[in-house]
């Protein structure tokens, strides 16, 4: 957590920590609402009220771990959680019907990691998937995000290695869980954004196979670097925006890295193609 002085933490860190304080309830109230919708005719208003009470309880617990300076800051963050919770629940309630809930916060790769087979070697992965549903003839994998939405429009339309590798890996891993979950093997995936001020999905429902193809290229580049113990610097200045070692590299580091990558050998070729393409 990045401290801002005087024991306070940044707004971004507070928000992330707040959502992390709802690891299961965050997803749990929504799937329960989905089940109750058919069984009892429960209304959205009821679940907004019950979910709001859960969020309030979690916020109170959060304040015990991350004290916020002043009543106005606490009120602002409480209202932000309420707004994001309501926005996400309304989106999940109304979108994609009919949709069958499968699981929330489901682990994969534990105790035995999931193996992603690549030409350069095998990548072993584990993690947690926020939501799995069945939507039509596919298993829908979703990861909940609290930051700015990045819908697939314009320059953001194509798969991006920095943004999309996570949801690609989740979809690839989830395919191996399908039989045990009683879900189709066909996969669709999306990031779901809690902030309702923009579009609330970055979706690969209909073209996950294209995302997976790109992701295997990205992962192959990573495995090649790991196997050869080669760790080149990035040629792209944007990658360094939050790096604490930026001052050590000095001016011109990214241009120098680009020159080295253009002259690099086979073990770095995949990484070079991926990063130089971004220039």
Protein backbone atom coordinates (compact mmCIF):
# COMPACT_ATOMS: atom_id res chain seq x y z
CA UNK A 1 0.00 0.00 0.00
CA UNK A 2 1.33 3.38 -0.94
CA UNK A 3 1.28 5.78 2.00
CA UNK A 4 0.39 9.41 1.38
CA UNK A 5 1.67 10.70 4.72
CA UNK A 6 0.28 10.98 8.22
CA UNK A 7 -0.87 7.36 8.23
CA UNK A 8 -3.32 7.90 5.38
CA UNK A 9 -3.46 5.77 2.25
CA UNK A 10 -4.24 6.91 -1.26
CA UNK A 11 -7.78 7.00 -2.61
CA UNK A 12 -6.89 4.29 -5.11
CA UNK A 13 -5.46 2.04 -2.38
CA UNK A 14 -8.44 2.68 -0.09
CA UNK A 15 -10.84 1.70 -2.81
CA UNK A 16 -8.90 -1.44 -3.74
CA UNK A 17 -8.60 -2.47 -0.11
CA UNK A 18 -12.30 -1.83 0.41
CA UNK A 19 -13.27 -4.15 -2.41
CA UNK A 20 -10.79 -6.76 -1.18
CA UNK A 21 -12.61 -6.67 2.16
CA UNK A 22 -15.59 -8.17 0.29
CA UNK A 23 -13.89 -11.22 -1.26
CA UNK A 24 -16.86 -13.58 -1.09
CA UNK A 25 -19.82 -11.43 -0.17
CA UNK A 26 -19.03 -9.16 -3.07
CA UNK A 27 -19.91 -11.98 -5.46
CA UNK A 28 -22.04 -14.02 -3.07
CA UNK A 29 -25.03 -11.70 -2.75
CA UNK A 30 -25.35 -11.48 -6.54
CA UNK A 31 -25.51 -15.21 -7.29
CA UNK A 32 -27.89 -15.71 -4.40
CA UNK A 33 -30.12 -13.04 -5.90
CA UNK A 34 -29.96 -14.83 -9.23
CA UNK A 35 -31.17 -18.10 -7.66
CA UNK A 36 -33.91 -16.44 -5.61
CA UNK A 37 -35.21 -14.59 -8.65
CA UNK A 38 -36.69 -17.78 -10.09
CA UNK A 39 -37.48 -19.53 -6.82
CA UNK A 40 -39.34 -16.81 -4.95
CA UNK A 41 -39.83 -13.91 -7.31
CA UNK A 42 -37.58 -11.77 -5.15
CA UNK A 43 -37.33 -8.18 -6.34
CA UNK A 44 -34.22 -6.24 -7.20
CA UNK A 45 -35.11 -3.67 -4.54
CA UNK A 46 -34.95 -6.33 -1.86
CA UNK A 47 -31.48 -7.41 -2.91
CA UNK A 48 -30.29 -3.84 -3.16
CA UNK A 49 -31.39 -3.37 0.46
CA UNK A 50 -29.91 -6.65 1.73
CA UNK A 51 -26.71 -6.22 -0.27
CA UNK A 52 -26.42 -2.65 0.92
CA UNK A 53 -26.50 -3.86 4.52
CA UNK A 54 -23.69 -6.33 3.76
CA UNK A 55 -21.64 -3.58 2.14
CA UNK A 56 -22.18 -1.33 5.15
CA UNK A 57 -21.05 -4.09 7.51
CA UNK A 58 -17.94 -4.69 5.41
CA UNK A 59 -17.17 -0.96 5.31
CA UNK A 60 -17.33 -0.78 9.09
CA UNK A 61 -14.90 -3.72 9.33
CA UNK A 62 -12.67 -2.06 6.75
CA UNK A 63 -12.37 1.06 8.90
CA UNK A 64 -10.88 -1.05 11.70
CA UNK A 65 -7.96 -1.96 9.42
CA UNK A 66 -7.58 1.20 7.31
CA UNK A 67 -8.44 4.32 9.30
CA UNK A 68 -9.56 7.15 7.05
CA UNK A 69 -8.79 10.72 8.06
CA UNK A 70 -11.95 12.66 8.87
CA UNK A 71 -15.70 12.17 8.72
CA UNK A 72 -15.96 13.69 5.24
CA UNK A 73 -13.49 11.18 3.78
CA UNK A 74 -15.30 8.26 5.42
CA UNK A 75 -18.64 9.52 4.11
CA UNK A 76 -17.23 9.93 0.59
CA UNK A 77 -15.79 6.43 0.53
CA UNK A 78 -18.95 4.90 2.01
CA UNK A 79 -21.05 6.56 -0.67
CA UNK A 80 -18.62 5.40 -3.36
CA UNK A 81 -19.04 1.79 -2.23
CA UNK A 82 -22.83 2.14 -2.17
CA UNK A 83 -22.84 3.63 -5.67
CA UNK A 84 -20.55 0.95 -7.11
CA UNK A 85 -22.45 -1.84 -5.39
CA UNK A 86 -25.80 -0.64 -6.71
CA UNK A 87 -24.39 -0.13 -10.20
CA UNK A 88 -22.90 -3.61 -10.34
CA UNK A 89 -25.97 -5.36 -8.95
CA UNK A 90 -28.29 -3.59 -11.40
CA UNK A 91 -25.97 -4.50 -14.29
CA UNK A 92 -25.75 -8.15 -13.21
CA UNK A 93 -29.47 -8.43 -12.51
CA UNK A 94 -30.64 -7.08 -15.84
CA UNK A 95 -27.92 -8.21 -18.25
CA UNK A 96 -27.64 -11.48 -20.12
CA UNK A 97 -30.89 -13.12 -18.99
CA UNK A 98 -31.42 -16.01 -18.87
CA UNK A 99 -28.14 -16.79 -17.15
CA UNK A 100 -27.43 -19.68 -14.77
CA UNK A 101 -25.12 -19.06 -11.85
CA UNK A 102 -22.32 -21.60 -11.34
CA UNK A 103 -19.81 -20.20 -8.85
CA UNK A 104 -18.26 -17.10 -7.30
CA UNK A 105 -14.65 -16.72 -6.13
CA UNK A 106 -13.81 -20.22 -7.33
CA UNK A 107 -10.21 -21.39 -6.99
CA UNK A 108 -8.31 -23.12 -9.76
CA UNK A 109 -4.89 -24.73 -9.75
CA UNK A 110 -4.96 -25.69 -6.07
CA UNK A 111 -3.48 -27.91 -4.80
CA UNK A 112 -2.22 -28.92 -8.26
CA UNK A 113 -1.54 -26.03 -10.67
CA UNK A 114 -3.29 -25.84 -14.03
CA UNK A 115 -0.88 -26.63 -16.85
CA UNK A 116 -0.92 -24.35 -19.91
CA UNK A 117 0.94 -26.23 -22.64
CA UNK A 118 3.00 -23.99 -24.93
CA UNK A 119 5.63 -24.71 -27.60
CA UNK A 120 8.36 -23.20 -25.38
CA UNK A 121 7.35 -25.14 -22.28
CA UNK A 122 4.60 -25.55 -19.71
CA UNK A 123 3.25 -22.70 -17.61
CA UNK A 124 1.77 -23.63 -14.22
CA UNK A 125 -0.93 -21.27 -12.94
CA UNK A 126 -3.40 -20.92 -10.10
CA UNK A 127 -5.79 -18.24 -8.94
CA UNK A 128 -9.41 -17.29 -8.25
CA UNK A 129 -12.17 -16.53 -10.76
CA UNK A 130 -14.71 -13.96 -9.56
CA UNK A 131 -17.76 -15.31 -11.39
CA UNK A 132 -18.74 -18.27 -13.55
CA UNK A 133 -22.19 -18.47 -15.14
CA UNK A 134 -23.76 -20.33 -18.03
CA UNK A 135 -25.08 -17.93 -20.64
CA UNK A 136 -26.67 -19.57 -23.65
CA UNK A 137 -24.38 -22.32 -24.93
CA UNK A 138 -21.22 -21.02 -23.26
CA UNK A 139 -19.58 -20.78 -19.87
CA UNK A 140 -19.16 -17.09 -19.06
CA UNK A 141 -16.07 -16.12 -17.06
CA UNK A 142 -16.07 -12.67 -15.48
CA UNK A 143 -13.55 -10.74 -13.44
CA UNK A 144 -14.76 -7.78 -11.41
CA UNK A 145 -12.83 -4.53 -11.80
CA UNK A 146 -13.19 -1.30 -9.84
CA UNK A 147 -11.18 0.99 -12.11
CA UNK A 148 -12.00 2.89 -15.28
CA UNK A 149 -13.85 0.80 -17.84
CA UNK A 150 -12.10 -0.10 -21.09
CA UNK A 151 -14.79 -1.29 -23.52
CA UNK A 152 -13.70 -2.68 -26.86
CA UNK A 153 -14.07 0.38 -29.05
CA UNK A 154 -11.66 2.19 -31.35
CA UNK A 155 -8.04 1.77 -30.30
CA UNK A 156 -9.18 -0.47 -27.43
CA UNK A 157 -11.00 -2.98 -29.63
CA UNK A 158 -8.19 -5.50 -30.11
CA UNK A 159 -6.79 -7.83 -27.44
CA UNK A 160 -4.12 -6.13 -25.37
CA UNK A 161 -1.44 -8.13 -23.52
CA UNK A 162 -1.37 -5.89 -20.46
CA UNK A 163 -5.13 -5.56 -20.10
CA UNK A 164 -6.41 -8.92 -21.31
CA UNK A 165 -3.91 -11.59 -20.27
CA UNK A 166 -5.69 -12.10 -16.93
CA UNK A 167 -9.13 -12.82 -18.34
CA UNK A 168 -7.58 -14.96 -21.09
CA UNK A 169 -5.80 -17.13 -18.51
CA UNK A 170 -8.99 -17.43 -16.45
CA UNK A 171 -10.93 -18.62 -19.48
CA UNK A 172 -8.25 -21.14 -20.43
CA UNK A 173 -8.12 -22.47 -16.88
CA UNK A 174 -11.91 -22.59 -16.52
CA UNK A 175 -12.27 -24.87 -19.52
CA UNK A 176 -10.68 -27.64 -17.48
CA UNK A 177 -13.26 -27.06 -14.72
CA UNK A 178 -16.27 -27.25 -17.03
CA UNK A 179 -17.13 -30.95 -16.63
CA UNK A 180 -16.94 -30.82 -12.84
CA UNK A 181 -19.12 -27.70 -12.77
CA UNK A 182 -21.73 -29.03 -15.18
CA UNK A 183 -20.96 -26.19 -17.60
CA UNK A 184 -20.30 -26.11 -21.37
CA UNK A 185 -16.68 -26.27 -22.53
CA UNK A 186 -17.23 -23.33 -24.88
CA UNK A 187 -15.93 -20.24 -23.11
CA UNK A 188 -16.79 -16.56 -23.21
CA UNK A 189 -15.06 -14.04 -20.96
CA UNK A 190 -15.44 -10.45 -19.84
CA UNK A 191 -14.20 -7.89 -17.39
CA UNK A 192 -17.14 -6.44 -15.44
CA UNK A 193 -16.72 -2.89 -14.12
CA UNK A 194 -18.43 -1.85 -10.91
CA UNK A 195 -18.27 1.83 -11.82
CA UNK A 196 -21.50 2.53 -13.67
CA UNK A 197 -20.37 5.81 -15.23
CA UNK A 198 -19.23 4.06 -18.43
CA UNK A 199 -19.85 0.79 -20.22
CA UNK A 200 -19.70 -2.02 -17.72
CA UNK A 201 -18.01 -4.75 -19.73
CA UNK A 202 -14.95 -5.46 -21.79
CA UNK A 203 -16.28 -8.59 -23.41
CA UNK A 204 -14.84 -11.51 -25.36
CA UNK A 205 -18.06 -13.51 -25.43
CA UNK A 206 -18.13 -14.26 -29.14
CA UNK A 207 -14.42 -14.23 -29.96
CA UNK A 208 -12.69 -15.78 -26.97
CA UNK A 209 -10.88 -18.15 -29.32
CA UNK A 210 -9.14 -15.14 -30.89
CA UNK A 211 -8.19 -13.83 -27.46
CA UNK A 212 -6.83 -17.24 -26.49
CA UNK A 213 -4.76 -17.39 -29.66
CA UNK A 214 -3.22 -14.01 -28.87
CA UNK A 215 -2.72 -14.95 -25.22
CA UNK A 216 -0.79 -18.09 -26.15
CA UNK A 217 1.56 -15.90 -28.17
CA UNK A 218 2.05 -13.56 -25.21
CA UNK A 219 2.57 -16.44 -22.79
CA UNK A 220 5.01 -18.16 -25.13
CA UNK A 221 7.12 -15.00 -25.09
CA UNK A 222 7.08 -15.01 -21.29
CA UNK A 223 8.00 -18.70 -21.02
CA UNK A 224 10.88 -18.22 -23.44
CA UNK A 225 12.28 -15.42 -21.28
CA UNK A 226 11.89 -17.47 -18.10
CA UNK A 227 13.45 -20.61 -19.53
CA UNK A 228 16.42 -18.66 -20.90
CA UNK A 229 16.67 -16.45 -17.81
CA UNK A 230 16.65 -13.33 -19.96
CA UNK A 231 14.82 -10.26 -18.64
CA UNK A 232 15.04 -7.38 -21.15
CA UNK A 233 13.86 -3.89 -20.38
CA UNK A 234 10.76 -2.52 -22.01
CA UNK A 235 11.06 -0.10 -24.92
CA UNK A 236 7.79 1.59 -23.98
CA UNK A 237 7.86 4.51 -21.58
CA UNK A 238 4.25 3.94 -20.47
CA UNK A 239 5.27 0.61 -18.92
CA UNK A 240 7.59 2.49 -16.58
CA UNK A 241 5.04 4.99 -15.27
CA UNK A 242 4.79 3.48 -11.77
CA UNK A 243 8.19 1.76 -11.60
CA UNK A 244 10.23 2.66 -8.50
CA UNK A 245 13.45 1.99 -10.43
CA UNK A 246 12.71 4.52 -13.14
CA UNK A 247 15.27 7.00 -11.84
CA UNK A 248 17.98 4.33 -11.93
CA UNK A 249 17.46 3.65 -15.64
CA UNK A 250 17.84 7.30 -16.52
CA UNK A 251 16.82 9.22 -19.64
CA UNK A 252 16.87 7.41 -22.96
CA UNK A 253 16.53 3.97 -21.35
CA UNK A 254 13.48 3.01 -23.40
CA UNK A 255 15.07 3.99 -26.70
CA UNK A 256 18.19 2.02 -25.80
CA UNK A 257 16.03 -0.99 -24.89
CA UNK A 258 14.30 -0.79 -28.27
CA UNK A 259 17.63 -0.84 -30.06
CA UNK A 260 18.76 -3.90 -28.10
CA UNK A 261 15.50 -5.73 -28.77
CA UNK A 262 15.80 -5.20 -32.51
CA UNK A 263 19.19 -6.90 -32.36
CA UNK A 264 18.20 -9.64 -29.89
CA UNK A 265 18.36 -13.38 -30.46
CA UNK A 266 15.65 -16.01 -30.78
CA UNK A 267 15.02 -16.32 -27.04
CA UNK A 268 13.78 -12.71 -26.93
CA UNK A 269 12.08 -12.58 -30.33
CA UNK A 270 8.53 -13.14 -29.05
CA UNK A 271 8.86 -10.44 -26.42
CA UNK A 272 10.47 -8.08 -28.94
CA UNK A 273 7.67 -8.55 -31.46
CA UNK A 274 5.05 -7.95 -28.78
CA UNK A 275 6.63 -4.81 -27.32
CA UNK A 276 7.93 -3.19 -30.50
CA UNK A 277 4.51 -3.63 -32.06
CA UNK A 278 3.15 -1.32 -29.36
CA UNK A 279 5.44 1.56 -30.35
